[in-house]
């Protein structure tokens, strides 16, 4: 599933995330701010960070918009699994 391809189709995007593209774009800056704040203080396991966060070069979800898309997709579709 490619985020850029799905974003081109409003109907598919809404079916996968329950948000329209404009709603998603409005939510994105808030998510980015919260994500950056969280990663400065905590690791992904929830423990206090002992050194500065640096993103890995080979990360699977390179952009914040892809991370938000994954979270929304997971929250909408995982309970059905």
Protein backbone atom coordinates (compact mmCIF):
# COMPACT_ATOMS: atom_id res chain seq x y z
CA UNK A 1 0.00 0.00 0.00
CA UNK A 2 1.57 3.26 -1.14
CA UNK A 3 0.60 6.44 0.71
CA UNK A 4 1.14 8.70 -2.31
CA UNK A 5 -1.09 6.57 -4.53
CA UNK A 6 -3.85 6.37 -1.93
CA UNK A 7 -3.73 10.12 -1.32
CA UNK A 8 -4.64 10.74 -4.96
CA UNK A 9 -7.99 8.99 -4.49
CA UNK A 10 -10.24 10.81 -2.00
CA UNK A 11 -12.72 7.96 -1.72
CA UNK A 12 -10.08 5.30 -0.95
CA UNK A 13 -8.33 7.62 1.48
CA UNK A 14 -11.52 8.19 3.44
CA UNK A 15 -12.37 4.48 3.40
CA UNK A 16 -8.98 3.59 4.88
CA UNK A 17 -8.67 6.33 7.50
CA UNK A 18 -12.18 7.75 8.09
CA UNK A 19 -10.77 11.21 7.32
CA UNK A 20 -10.98 13.30 4.19
CA UNK A 21 -7.70 14.60 2.78
CA UNK A 22 -8.47 18.14 3.99
CA UNK A 23 -9.21 16.86 7.52
CA UNK A 24 -6.00 14.82 7.42
CA UNK A 25 -4.00 17.89 6.34
CA UNK A 26 -5.53 19.92 9.19
CA UNK A 27 -4.60 17.23 11.73
CA UNK A 28 -1.05 16.74 10.45
CA UNK A 29 0.68 19.78 12.09
CA UNK A 30 -0.74 18.88 15.51
CA UNK A 31 0.36 15.26 15.15
CA UNK A 32 3.83 16.33 14.03
CA UNK A 33 4.26 18.66 17.02
CA UNK A 34 3.13 15.99 19.49
CA UNK A 35 5.27 13.29 17.87
CA UNK A 36 8.40 15.46 17.98
CA UNK A 37 7.76 16.41 21.60
CA UNK A 38 7.23 12.78 22.58
CA UNK A 39 10.35 11.55 20.76
CA UNK A 40 12.51 14.21 22.41
CA UNK A 41 11.62 12.85 25.86
CA UNK A 42 10.74 9.16 25.42
CA UNK A 43 11.80 6.17 23.37
CA UNK A 44 9.22 4.25 21.35
CA UNK A 45 9.03 1.78 24.26
CA UNK A 46 7.90 4.61 26.58
CA UNK A 47 11.11 4.80 28.59
CA UNK A 48 12.91 8.06 29.32
CA UNK A 49 15.38 8.87 26.56
CA UNK A 50 19.03 8.91 27.65
CA UNK A 51 20.43 10.44 24.48
CA UNK A 52 19.18 12.66 21.71
CA UNK A 53 16.74 11.19 19.17
CA UNK A 54 18.15 10.79 15.69
CA UNK A 55 16.02 9.15 13.01
CA UNK A 56 17.42 6.06 11.32
CA UNK A 57 18.45 6.29 7.69
CA UNK A 58 16.57 3.11 6.72
CA UNK A 59 13.24 3.91 8.37
CA UNK A 60 10.08 2.35 6.97
CA UNK A 61 7.86 5.41 7.36
CA UNK A 62 10.07 8.33 6.31
CA UNK A 63 7.58 11.21 6.53
CA UNK A 64 5.30 12.38 9.31
CA UNK A 65 2.31 12.18 6.97
CA UNK A 66 3.02 8.48 6.35
CA UNK A 67 3.27 7.90 10.10
CA UNK A 68 -0.07 9.61 10.72
CA UNK A 69 -1.65 7.66 7.86
CA UNK A 70 -0.39 4.40 9.37
CA UNK A 71 -1.75 5.29 12.82
CA UNK A 72 -5.17 6.24 11.47
CA UNK A 73 -5.31 3.16 9.24
CA UNK A 74 -4.32 0.91 12.14
CA UNK A 75 -6.86 2.43 14.52
CA UNK A 76 -9.67 2.09 12.00
CA UNK A 77 -8.93 -1.36 10.62
CA UNK A 78 -7.16 -3.34 13.34
CA UNK A 79 -10.22 -3.93 15.56
CA UNK A 80 -11.79 -5.84 12.66
CA UNK A 81 -8.90 -8.31 12.54
